PDB file of N, CA and C in Angstrom:
ATOM      1  N   MET A   1       7.078 -31.487  -0.835  1.00  0.00           N
ATOM      2  CA  MET A   1       7.900 -30.839  -0.535  1.00  0.00           C
ATOM      3  C   MET A   1       6.980 -29.427  -0.765  1.00  0.00           C
ATOM      4  N   MET A   2       7.223 -28.170   0.395  1.00  0.00           N
ATOM      5  CA  MET A   2       5.898 -27.383   0.488  1.00  0.00           C
ATOM      6  C   MET A   2       6.666 -26.201  -0.486  1.00  0.00           C
ATOM      7  N   ALA A   3       5.853 -25.881  -1.261  1.00  0.00           N
ATOM      8  CA  ALA A   3       6.147 -24.823  -1.838  1.00  0.00           C
ATOM      9  C   ALA A   3       6.768 -22.905  -1.569  1.00  0.00           C
ATOM     10  N   SER A   4       7.526 -22.687  -1.971  1.00  0.00           N
ATOM     11  CA  SER A   4       7.924 -21.792  -1.627  1.00  0.00           C
ATOM     12  C   SER A   4       7.353 -20.467  -1.408  1.00  0.00           C
ATOM     13  N   PRO A   5       7.117 -19.404  -0.512  1.00  0.00           N
ATOM     14  CA  PRO A   5       6.090 -18.447  -0.458  1.00  0.00           C
ATOM     15  C   PRO A   5       6.249 -17.763  -1.406  1.00  0.00           C
ATOM     16  N   TRP A   6       7.225 -17.783  -2.208  1.00  0.00           N
ATOM     17  CA  TRP A   6       7.723 -16.489  -3.398  1.00  0.00           C
ATOM     18  C   TRP A   6       6.989 -16.722  -4.335  1.00  0.00           C
ATOM     19  N   HIS A   7       6.734 -18.029  -4.461  1.00  0.00           N
ATOM     20  CA  HIS A   7       6.201 -18.546  -5.846  1.00  0.00           C
ATOM     21  C   HIS A   7       4.804 -18.971  -5.554  1.00  0.00           C
ATOM     22  N   MET A   8       4.125 -18.869  -4.492  1.00  0.00           N
ATOM     23  CA  MET A   8       2.505 -18.798  -4.410  1.00  0.00           C
ATOM     24  C   MET A   8       1.601 -18.170  -5.346  1.00  0.00           C
ATOM     25  N   THR A   9       1.046 -19.265  -6.118  1.00  0.00           N
ATOM     26  CA  THR A   9      -0.088 -17.964  -6.827  1.00  0.00           C
ATOM     27  C   THR A   9      -1.739 -18.364  -6.292  1.00  0.00           C
ATOM     28  N   ASP A  10      -2.157 -18.889  -5.150  1.00  0.00           N
ATOM     29  CA  ASP A  10      -3.243 -18.767  -4.643  1.00  0.00           C
ATOM     30  C   ASP A  10      -4.140 -17.820  -3.565  1.00  0.00           C
ATOM     31  N   ARG A  11      -3.018 -16.984  -3.775  1.00  0.00           N
ATOM     32  CA  ARG A  11      -3.128 -15.949  -3.110  1.00  0.00           C
ATOM     33  C   ARG A  11      -2.690 -14.125  -3.509  1.00  0.00           C
ATOM     34  N   ALA A  12      -3.488 -13.568  -3.304  1.00  0.00           N
ATOM     35  CA  ALA A  12      -3.042 -11.656  -3.863  1.00  0.00           C
ATOM     36  C   ALA A  12      -2.189 -11.223  -2.778  1.00  0.00           C
ATOM     37  N   TYR A  13      -1.075 -10.618  -3.281  1.00  0.00           N
ATOM     38  CA  TYR A  13      -0.258  -9.416  -2.718  1.00  0.00           C
ATOM     39  C   TYR A  13      -0.454  -8.398  -3.392  1.00  0.00           C
ATOM     40  N   TYR A  14      -0.673  -7.378  -2.666  1.00  0.00           N
ATOM     41  CA  TYR A  14      -0.655  -6.105  -2.608  1.00  0.00           C
ATOM     42  C   TYR A  14       0.630  -4.904  -2.333  1.00  0.00           C
ATOM     43  N   VAL A  15       0.743  -4.144  -2.722  1.00  0.00           N
ATOM     44  CA  VAL A  15       1.420  -3.086  -2.667  1.00  0.00           C
ATOM     45  C   VAL A  15       0.528  -1.820  -2.740  1.00  0.00           C
ATOM     46  N   TYR A  16       0.918  -0.681  -1.538  1.00  0.00           N
ATOM     47  CA  TYR A  16      -0.272  -0.063  -1.269  1.00  0.00           C
ATOM     48  C   TYR A  16       0.333   1.436  -1.024  1.00  0.00           C
ATOM     49  N   MET A  17       0.082   2.187  -1.207  1.00  0.00           N
ATOM     50  CA  MET A  17       0.243   3.741  -0.527  1.00  0.00           C
ATOM     51  C   MET A  17      -0.905   4.502   0.541  1.00  0.00           C
ATOM     52  N   LEU A  18      -0.142   4.817   1.373  1.00  0.00           N
ATOM     53  CA  LEU A  18      -1.244   5.660   2.057  1.00  0.00           C
ATOM     54  C   LEU A  18      -0.532   7.072   2.466  1.00  0.00           C
ATOM     55  N   THR A  19      -1.628   8.110   2.841  1.00  0.00           N
ATOM     56  CA  THR A  19      -1.022   9.433   3.310  1.00  0.00           C
ATOM     57  C   THR A  19      -1.736   9.677   4.349  1.00  0.00           C
ATOM     58  N   ASN A  20      -1.080  11.188   4.975  1.00  0.00           N
ATOM     59  CA  ASN A  20      -1.765  11.254   6.070  1.00  0.00           C
ATOM     60  C   ASN A  20      -3.640  12.332   6.075  1.00  0.00           C
ATOM     61  N   ALA A  21      -3.836  13.133   7.148  1.00  0.00           N
ATOM     62  CA  ALA A  21      -4.418  14.134   6.616  1.00  0.00           C
ATOM     63  C   ALA A  21      -4.680  15.334   5.529  1.00  0.00           C
ATOM     64  N   ALA A  22      -3.212  15.760   5.970  1.00  0.00           N
ATOM     65  CA  ALA A  22      -3.019  17.121   5.716  1.00  0.00           C
ATOM     66  C   ALA A  22      -2.009  16.804   3.738  1.00  0.00           C
ATOM     67  N   ARG A  23      -2.350  15.287   3.648  1.00  0.00           N
ATOM     68  CA  ARG A  23      -1.425  14.692   2.331  1.00  0.00           C
ATOM     69  C   ARG A  23      -0.061  15.195   2.143  1.00  0.00           C
ATOM     70  N   THR A  24       0.957  15.236   3.164  1.00  0.00           N
ATOM     71  CA  THR A  24       2.280  15.920   2.953  1.00  0.00           C
ATOM     72  C   THR A  24       3.191  14.698   3.052  1.00  0.00           C
ATOM     73  N   VAL A  25       2.764  13.202   3.552  1.00  0.00           N
ATOM     74  CA  VAL A  25       3.577  12.182   3.525  1.00  0.00           C
ATOM     75  C   VAL A  25       2.913  10.912   2.558  1.00  0.00           C
ATOM     76  N   LEU A  26       3.598  10.181   1.796  1.00  0.00           N
ATOM     77  CA  LEU A  26       3.455   9.077   1.345  1.00  0.00           C
ATOM     78  C   LEU A  26       3.892   7.955   1.841  1.00  0.00           C
ATOM     79  N   TYR A  27       3.564   6.937   2.455  1.00  0.00           N
ATOM     80  CA  TYR A  27       4.009   5.475   2.839  1.00  0.00           C
ATOM     81  C   TYR A  27       3.550   4.450   1.756  1.00  0.00           C
ATOM     82  N   ILE A  28       4.418   3.992   1.422  1.00  0.00           N
ATOM     83  CA  ILE A  28       4.551   2.569   0.511  1.00  0.00           C
ATOM     84  C   ILE A  28       4.550   1.509   1.431  1.00  0.00           C
ATOM     85  N   GLY A  29       3.978   0.491   1.012  1.00  0.00           N
ATOM     86  CA  GLY A  29       3.945  -0.548   1.978  1.00  0.00           C
ATOM     87  C   GLY A  29       3.565  -2.045   1.190  1.00  0.00           C
ATOM     88  N   MET A  30       3.609  -3.413   1.712  1.00  0.00           N
ATOM     89  CA  MET A  30       3.103  -4.145   0.772  1.00  0.00           C
ATOM     90  C   MET A  30       2.685  -5.780   1.740  1.00  0.00           C
ATOM     91  N   THR A  31       1.384  -5.784   1.619  1.00  0.00           N
ATOM     92  CA  THR A  31       0.619  -6.952   2.149  1.00  0.00           C
ATOM     93  C   THR A  31       0.114  -8.055   1.295  1.00  0.00           C
ATOM     94  N   ASN A  32      -0.741  -9.397   2.522  1.00  0.00           N
ATOM     95  CA  ASN A  32      -0.829 -10.259   1.425  1.00  0.00           C
ATOM     96  C   ASN A  32      -2.581 -10.335   1.927  1.00  0.00           C
ATOM     97  N   ASP A  33      -3.234  -9.164   2.833  1.00  0.00           N
ATOM     98  CA  ASP A  33      -3.963  -8.975   3.327  1.00  0.00           C
ATOM     99  C   ASP A  33      -4.226  -7.192   3.267  1.00  0.00           C
ATOM    100  N   LEU A  34      -5.152  -6.970   2.156  1.00  0.00           N
ATOM    101  CA  LEU A  34      -5.158  -5.443   2.326  1.00  0.00           C
ATOM    102  C   LEU A  34      -6.250  -4.991   3.346  1.00  0.00           C
ATOM    103  N   VAL A  35      -7.030  -5.493   3.624  1.00  0.00           N
ATOM    104  CA  VAL A  35      -8.274  -4.797   4.414  1.00  0.00           C
ATOM    105  C   VAL A  35      -7.338  -4.992   5.891  1.00  0.00           C
ATOM    106  N   ARG A  36      -7.042  -6.164   6.307  1.00  0.00           N
ATOM    107  CA  ARG A  36      -6.361  -6.381   7.672  1.00  0.00           C
ATOM    108  C   ARG A  36      -5.111  -5.259   8.220  1.00  0.00           C
ATOM    109  N   ARG A  37      -4.680  -5.048   6.867  1.00  0.00           N
ATOM    110  CA  ARG A  37      -3.112  -4.158   7.061  1.00  0.00           C
ATOM    111  C   ARG A  37      -3.697  -2.495   7.115  1.00  0.00           C
ATOM    112  N   ILE A  38      -4.677  -2.457   6.288  1.00  0.00           N
ATOM    113  CA  ILE A  38      -4.788  -0.923   6.065  1.00  0.00           C
ATOM    114  C   ILE A  38      -5.554  -0.808   7.646  1.00  0.00           C
ATOM    115  N   HIS A  39      -6.509  -1.571   7.833  1.00  0.00           N
ATOM    116  CA  HIS A  39      -7.097  -1.426   9.454  1.00  0.00           C
ATOM    117  C   HIS A  39      -6.499  -1.189  10.494  1.00  0.00           C
ATOM    118  N   GLU A  40      -5.250  -1.984  10.690  1.00  0.00           N
ATOM    119  CA  GLU A  40      -4.255  -1.649  11.268  1.00  0.00           C
ATOM    120  C   GLU A  40      -3.805  -0.215  11.624  1.00  0.00           C
ATOM    121  N   HIS A  41      -3.203   0.138  10.362  1.00  0.00           N
ATOM    122  CA  HIS A  41      -2.729   1.306  10.358  1.00  0.00           C
ATOM    123  C   HIS A  41      -3.685   2.843  10.437  1.00  0.00           C
ATOM    124  N   ARG A  42      -5.026   2.268   9.832  1.00  0.00           N
ATOM    125  CA  ARG A  42      -6.118   3.426  10.227  1.00  0.00           C
ATOM    126  C   ARG A  42      -6.149   3.033  11.897  1.00  0.00           C
ATOM    127  N   MET A  43      -6.047   2.063  12.685  1.00  0.00           N
ATOM    128  CA  MET A  43      -5.928   2.158  13.832  1.00  0.00           C
ATOM    129  C   MET A  43      -4.977   2.791  14.657  1.00  0.00           C
ATOM    130  N   GLY A  44      -3.842   2.812  14.297  1.00  0.00           N
ATOM    131  CA  GLY A  44      -2.628   3.238  14.767  1.00  0.00           C
ATOM    132  C   GLY A  44      -1.791   2.048  15.582  1.00  0.00           C
ATOM    133  N   THR A  45      -2.375   0.893  14.941  1.00  0.00           N
ATOM    134  CA  THR A  45      -1.657  -0.316  15.639  1.00  0.00           C
ATOM    135  C   THR A  45       0.267  -1.001  14.847  1.00  0.00           C
ATOM    136  N   VAL A  46       0.092   0.070  14.093  1.00  0.00           N
ATOM    137  CA  VAL A  46       1.487  -0.232  13.508  1.00  0.00           C
ATOM    138  C   VAL A  46       2.471   0.433  13.908  1.00  0.00           C
ATOM    139  N   ASP A  47       3.314   0.263  14.603  1.00  0.00           N
ATOM    140  CA  ASP A  47       4.391   0.957  15.072  1.00  0.00           C
ATOM    141  C   ASP A  47       5.442   1.366  14.070  1.00  0.00           C
ATOM    142  N   GLY A  48       5.994   2.655  14.421  1.00  0.00           N
ATOM    143  CA  GLY A  48       7.251   3.203  13.182  1.00  0.00           C
ATOM    144  C   GLY A  48       6.458   4.144  12.455  1.00  0.00           C
ATOM    145  N   PHE A  49       6.909   4.934  11.163  1.00  0.00           N
ATOM    146  CA  PHE A  49       6.831   5.656  10.276  1.00  0.00           C
ATOM    147  C   PHE A  49       4.914   5.999  10.366  1.00  0.00           C
ATOM    148  N   THR A  50       4.215   5.023   9.912  1.00  0.00           N
ATOM    149  CA  THR A  50       3.060   5.260   9.242  1.00  0.00           C
ATOM    150  C   THR A  50       2.169   5.856  10.664  1.00  0.00           C
ATOM    151  N   LYS A  51       2.308   5.536  12.173  1.00  0.00           N
ATOM    152  CA  LYS A  51       2.308   5.908  13.342  1.00  0.00           C
ATOM    153  C   LYS A  51       2.721   7.145  13.511  1.00  0.00           C
ATOM    154  N   LYS A  52       3.679   7.559  13.215  1.00  0.00           N
ATOM    155  CA  LYS A  52       4.401   8.698  13.672  1.00  0.00           C
ATOM    156  C   LYS A  52       3.811   9.520  13.069  1.00  0.00           C
ATOM    157  N   TYR A  53       3.934   9.673  11.616  1.00  0.00           N
ATOM    158  CA  TYR A  53       3.062  10.822  10.717  1.00  0.00           C
ATOM    159  C   TYR A  53       1.949  10.388  10.085  1.00  0.00           C
ATOM    160  N   ARG A  54       0.976   9.452  11.257  1.00  0.00           N
ATOM    161  CA  ARG A  54      -0.337   9.416  11.005  1.00  0.00           C
ATOM    162  C   ARG A  54      -1.041   8.954   9.755  1.00  0.00           C
ATOM    163  N   CYS A  55       0.231   8.206   9.260  1.00  0.00           N
ATOM    164  CA  CYS A  55      -0.621   7.743   7.759  1.00  0.00           C
ATOM    165  C   CYS A  55      -1.529   6.483   7.564  1.00  0.00           C
ATOM    166  N   ASP A  56      -2.919   7.225   7.485  1.00  0.00           N
ATOM    167  CA  ASP A  56      -4.289   6.385   7.897  1.00  0.00           C
ATOM    168  C   ASP A  56      -4.901   6.162   6.563  1.00  0.00           C
ATOM    169  N   ARG A  57      -5.116   6.886   5.299  1.00  0.00           N
ATOM    170  CA  ARG A  57      -5.384   7.240   4.421  1.00  0.00           C
ATOM    171  C   ARG A  57      -4.701   6.332   3.215  1.00  0.00           C
ATOM    172  N   LEU A  58      -5.552   5.463   2.493  1.00  0.00           N
ATOM    173  CA  LEU A  58      -5.277   4.768   1.340  1.00  0.00           C
ATOM    174  C   LEU A  58      -5.390   5.358   0.413  1.00  0.00           C
ATOM    175  N   VAL A  59      -4.768   5.727  -0.616  1.00  0.00           N
ATOM    176  CA  VAL A  59      -4.848   6.106  -1.851  1.00  0.00           C
ATOM    177  C   VAL A  59      -4.522   5.480  -2.961  1.00  0.00           C
ATOM    178  N   TYR A  60      -4.024   4.212  -2.743  1.00  0.00           N
ATOM    179  CA  TYR A  60      -3.474   3.553  -4.371  1.00  0.00           C
ATOM    180  C   TYR A  60      -2.535   2.033  -3.589  1.00  0.00           C
ATOM    181  N   TYR A  61      -3.433   1.075  -4.741  1.00  0.00           N
ATOM    182  CA  TYR A  61      -3.125   0.019  -4.120  1.00  0.00           C
ATOM    183  C   TYR A  61      -3.096  -0.740  -6.057  1.00  0.00           C
ATOM    184  N   GLU A  62      -1.931  -1.653  -5.639  1.00  0.00           N
ATOM    185  CA  GLU A  62      -1.948  -2.704  -6.573  1.00  0.00           C
ATOM    186  C   GLU A  62      -2.102  -4.144  -6.336  1.00  0.00           C
ATOM    187  N   GLN A  63      -2.772  -4.727  -7.335  1.00  0.00           N
ATOM    188  CA  GLN A  63      -2.621  -6.330  -6.713  1.00  0.00           C
ATOM    189  C   GLN A  63      -1.849  -7.162  -7.653  1.00  0.00           C
ATOM    190  N   TYR A  64      -0.908  -7.974  -6.627  1.00  0.00           N
ATOM    191  CA  TYR A  64      -0.199  -9.088  -7.441  1.00  0.00           C
ATOM    192  C   TYR A  64      -0.363 -10.507  -7.403  1.00  0.00           C
ATOM    193  N   THR A  65      -0.282 -11.538  -8.167  1.00  0.00           N
ATOM    194  CA  THR A  65      -0.214 -13.119  -7.605  1.00  0.00           C
ATOM    195  C   THR A  65       0.871 -13.493  -7.221  1.00  0.00           C
ATOM    196  N   THR A  66       1.927 -12.967  -6.782  1.00  0.00           N
ATOM    197  CA  THR A  66       3.159 -13.386  -5.797  1.00  0.00           C
ATOM    198  C   THR A  66       3.830 -12.238  -5.490  1.00  0.00           C
ATOM    199  N   ALA A  67       4.275 -13.046  -3.981  1.00  0.00           N
ATOM    200  CA  ALA A  67       4.973 -11.961  -3.223  1.00  0.00           C
ATOM    201  C   ALA A  67       6.263 -11.453  -3.745  1.00  0.00           C
ATOM    202  N   TYR A  68       6.885 -12.054  -4.841  1.00  0.00           N
ATOM    203  CA  TYR A  68       8.359 -11.653  -5.466  1.00  0.00           C
ATOM    204  C   TYR A  68       7.926 -10.631  -6.280  1.00  0.00           C
ATOM    205  N   GLU A  69       6.646 -10.518  -7.059  1.00  0.00           N
ATOM    206  CA  GLU A  69       6.433  -9.283  -7.829  1.00  0.00           C
ATOM    207  C   GLU A  69       5.698  -8.136  -7.108  1.00  0.00           C
ATOM    208  N   ALA A  70       5.048  -8.674  -6.019  1.00  0.00           N
ATOM    209  CA  ALA A  70       4.602  -7.063  -5.323  1.00  0.00           C
ATOM    210  C   ALA A  70       6.241  -6.723  -4.783  1.00  0.00           C
ATOM    211  N   LEU A  71       7.030  -7.256  -4.033  1.00  0.00           N
ATOM    212  CA  LEU A  71       8.197  -7.030  -3.538  1.00  0.00           C
ATOM    213  C   LEU A  71       9.425  -6.192  -4.169  1.00  0.00           C
ATOM    214  N   ALA A  72       9.061  -6.821  -5.466  1.00  0.00           N
ATOM    215  CA  ALA A  72       9.807  -6.242  -6.336  1.00  0.00           C
ATOM    216  C   ALA A  72       9.295  -4.868  -6.698  1.00  0.00           C
ATOM    217  N   ARG A  73       7.962  -4.549  -7.237  1.00  0.00           N
ATOM    218  CA  ARG A  73       7.174  -3.512  -7.167  1.00  0.00           C
ATOM    219  C   ARG A  73       7.029  -1.852  -6.146  1.00  0.00           C
ATOM    220  N   GLU A  74       7.023  -2.745  -4.971  1.00  0.00           N
ATOM    221  CA  GLU A  74       7.125  -2.038  -3.773  1.00  0.00           C
ATOM    222  C   GLU A  74       8.771  -1.303  -3.695  1.00  0.00           C
ATOM    223  N   LYS A  75       9.980  -1.859  -3.909  1.00  0.00           N
ATOM    224  CA  LYS A  75      11.324  -1.753  -3.936  1.00  0.00           C
ATOM    225  C   LYS A  75      11.499  -0.642  -4.899  1.00  0.00           C
ATOM    226  N   ALA A  76      10.732  -0.858  -6.073  1.00  0.00           N
ATOM    227  CA  ALA A  76      11.065   0.189  -7.553  1.00  0.00           C
ATOM    228  C   ALA A  76       9.950   0.910  -6.982  1.00  0.00           C
ATOM    229  N   LEU A  77       8.798   1.593  -6.538  1.00  0.00           N
ATOM    230  CA  LEU A  77       8.075   2.368  -5.803  1.00  0.00           C
ATOM    231  C   LEU A  77       8.974   3.561  -5.266  1.00  0.00           C
ATOM    232  N   LYS A  78       9.576   2.580  -4.112  1.00  0.00           N
ATOM    233  CA  LYS A  78       9.860   3.349  -2.749  1.00  0.00           C
ATOM    234  C   LYS A  78      11.204   4.220  -3.469  1.00  0.00           C
ATOM    235  N   GLY A  79      11.809   3.838  -4.584  1.00  0.00           N
ATOM    236  CA  GLY A  79      13.080   4.684  -5.504  1.00  0.00           C
ATOM    237  C   GLY A  79      12.697   5.515  -6.470  1.00  0.00           C
ATOM    238  N   TRP A  80      11.275   5.438  -6.581  1.00  0.00           N
ATOM    239  CA  TRP A  80      10.825   7.212  -7.404  1.00  0.00           C
ATOM    240  C   TRP A  80      10.304   8.213  -6.450  1.00  0.00           C
ATOM    241  N   THR A  81      10.923   9.563  -7.382  1.00  0.00           N
ATOM    242  CA  THR A  81      10.633  10.897  -6.141  1.00  0.00           C
ATOM    243  C   THR A  81       9.262  10.914  -5.983  1.00  0.00           C
ATOM    244  N   ARG A  82       8.824  11.997  -4.914  1.00  0.00           N
ATOM    245  CA  ARG A  82       7.549  12.019  -4.475  1.00  0.00           C
ATOM    246  C   ARG A  82       6.780  12.228  -5.616  1.00  0.00           C
ATOM    247  N   LYS A  83       7.106  13.391  -6.670  1.00  0.00           N
ATOM    248  CA  LYS A  83       6.318  13.510  -8.022  1.00  0.00           C
ATOM    249  C   LYS A  83       5.842  12.563  -8.687  1.00  0.00           C
ATOM    250  N   ARG A  84       6.931  11.441  -8.795  1.00  0.00           N
ATOM    251  CA  ARG A  84       6.356  10.343  -9.933  1.00  0.00           C
ATOM    252  C   ARG A  84       5.650   9.591  -8.995  1.00  0.00           C
ATOM    253  N   LYS A  85       5.473   9.157  -7.696  1.00  0.00           N
ATOM    254  CA  LYS A  85       4.872   8.769  -7.095  1.00  0.00           C
ATOM    255  C   LYS A  85       3.219   9.417  -6.801  1.00  0.00           C
ATOM    256  N   LEU A  86       3.538  10.564  -6.742  1.00  0.00           N
ATOM    257  CA  LEU A  86       1.779  11.590  -6.697  1.00  0.00           C
ATOM    258  C   LEU A  86       1.197  11.184  -8.338  1.00  0.00           C
ATOM    259  N   ASP A  87       2.222  11.540  -9.324  1.00  0.00           N
ATOM    260  CA  ASP A  87       1.453  11.196 -10.473  1.00  0.00           C
ATOM    261  C   ASP A  87       0.591   9.811 -11.156  1.00  0.00           C
ATOM    262  N   LEU A  88       1.417   8.856 -10.470  1.00  0.00           N
ATOM    263  CA  LEU A  88       1.069   7.607 -10.516  1.00  0.00           C
ATOM    264  C   LEU A  88      -0.593   7.506  -9.753  1.00  0.00           C
ATOM    265  N   VAL A  89      -0.459   7.976  -8.622  1.00  0.00           N
ATOM    266  CA  VAL A  89      -1.528   8.065  -7.718  1.00  0.00           C
ATOM    267  C   VAL A  89      -2.971   8.654  -8.325  1.00  0.00           C
ATOM    268  N   GLN A  90      -2.391   9.750  -8.966  1.00  0.00           N
ATOM    269  CA  GLN A  90      -3.480  10.672  -9.569  1.00  0.00           C
ATOM    270  C   GLN A  90      -4.029  10.315 -10.792  1.00  0.00           C
ATOM    271  N   GLU A  91      -3.274   9.191 -11.467  1.00  0.00           N
ATOM    272  CA  GLU A  91      -4.158   8.862 -12.906  1.00  0.00           C
ATOM    273  C   GLU A  91      -4.954   8.116 -12.568  1.00  0.00           C
ATOM    274  N   THR A  92      -5.367   7.432 -11.124  1.00  0.00           N
ATOM    275  CA  THR A  92      -6.600   7.076 -10.913  1.00  0.00           C
ATOM    276  C   THR A  92      -7.523   7.219  -9.293  1.00  0.00           C
ATOM    277  N   ASN A  93      -6.889   7.956  -8.767  1.00  0.00           N
ATOM    278  CA  ASN A  93      -7.522   8.834  -7.984  1.00  0.00           C
ATOM    279  C   ASN A  93      -6.629  10.267  -7.778  1.00  0.00           C
ATOM    280  N   ALA A  94      -7.096  10.821  -8.596  1.00  0.00           N
ATOM    281  CA  ALA A  94      -6.745  12.582  -8.680  1.00  0.00           C
ATOM    282  C   ALA A  94      -6.445  13.318  -7.285  1.00  0.00           C
ATOM    283  N   THR A  95      -8.211  13.160  -6.722  1.00  0.00           N
ATOM    284  CA  THR A  95      -8.173  13.975  -5.385  1.00  0.00           C
ATOM    285  C   THR A  95      -7.532  13.453  -4.281  1.00  0.00           C
ATOM    286  N   LEU A  96      -6.569  12.462  -4.341  1.00  0.00           N
ATOM    287  CA  LEU A  96      -6.243  11.348  -3.331  1.00  0.00           C
ATOM    288  C   LEU A  96      -7.299  11.282  -2.405  1.00  0.00           C
ATOM    289  N   ARG A  97      -8.208  10.920  -2.842  1.00  0.00           N
ATOM    290  CA  ARG A  97      -9.294  10.387  -1.688  1.00  0.00           C
ATOM    291  C   ARG A  97      -9.145   9.234  -1.225  1.00  0.00           C
ATOM    292  N   ASP A  98      -9.545   8.674   0.320  1.00  0.00           N
ATOM    293  CA  ASP A  98      -9.618   7.669   1.091  1.00  0.00           C
ATOM    294  C   ASP A  98     -10.356   6.500   0.210  1.00  0.00           C
ATOM    295  N   LEU A  99      -9.713   5.389  -0.043  1.00  0.00           N
ATOM    296  CA  LEU A  99     -10.153   4.561  -0.953  1.00  0.00           C
ATOM    297  C   LEU A  99     -10.720   3.249   0.155  1.00  0.00           C
ATOM    298  N   TRP A 100     -10.936   3.507   1.318  1.00  0.00           N
ATOM    299  CA  TRP A 100     -10.685   2.524   2.463  1.00  0.00           C
ATOM    300  C   TRP A 100     -12.320   1.923   2.563  1.00  0.00           C
ATOM    301  N   GLU A 101     -13.399   2.448   2.285  1.00  0.00           N
ATOM    302  CA  GLU A 101     -14.507   2.043   1.893  1.00  0.00           C
ATOM    303  C   GLU A 101     -14.720   1.227   0.795  1.00  0.00           C
ATOM    304  N   GLU A 102     -13.924   1.631  -0.655  1.00  0.00           N
ATOM    305  CA  GLU A 102     -14.019   0.914  -1.387  1.00  0.00           C
ATOM    306  C   GLU A 102     -13.396  -0.888  -1.592  1.00  0.00           C
ATOM    307  N   ILE A 103     -12.561  -0.956  -0.397  1.00  0.00           N
ATOM    308  CA  ILE A 103     -11.812  -2.063   0.081  1.00  0.00           C
ATOM    309  C   ILE A 103     -12.650  -3.017   0.584  1.00  0.00           C
ATOM    310  N   ILE A 104     -13.159  -2.419   1.690  1.00  0.00           N
ATOM    311  CA  ILE A 104     -14.056  -3.072   2.493  1.00  0.00           C
ATOM    312  C   ILE A 104     -15.652  -3.554   2.129  1.00  0.00           C
ATOM    313  N   ARG A 105     -15.584  -3.584   0.922  1.00  0.00           N
ATOM    314  CA  ARG A 105     -17.059  -3.740   0.333  1.00  0.00           C
ATOM    315  C   ARG A 105     -16.860  -4.989  -0.374  1.00  0.00           C
TER     316      ARG A 105
END
């Protein structure tokens, strides 16, 4: 029997936050390939909110061992106020610098 993707532990899942150049918008997403997904956002190949508002700067991410944990965290963060989200980001990234260079090393 094949394992449910919600319980696989041999890969990583990420919850991430993007912003735009003006830092006026925050977007929260989830992926199992952070580098690929952020690259897609940066290239503008992801239609929808991030393309419309040019959210292409990675300012925060967390890693999880299951898709279930990551999805639950993504949903929780999306329910937070903007201030609470910014406070979380600024705990580790006070200037909202783009973390792209860090994740591609």
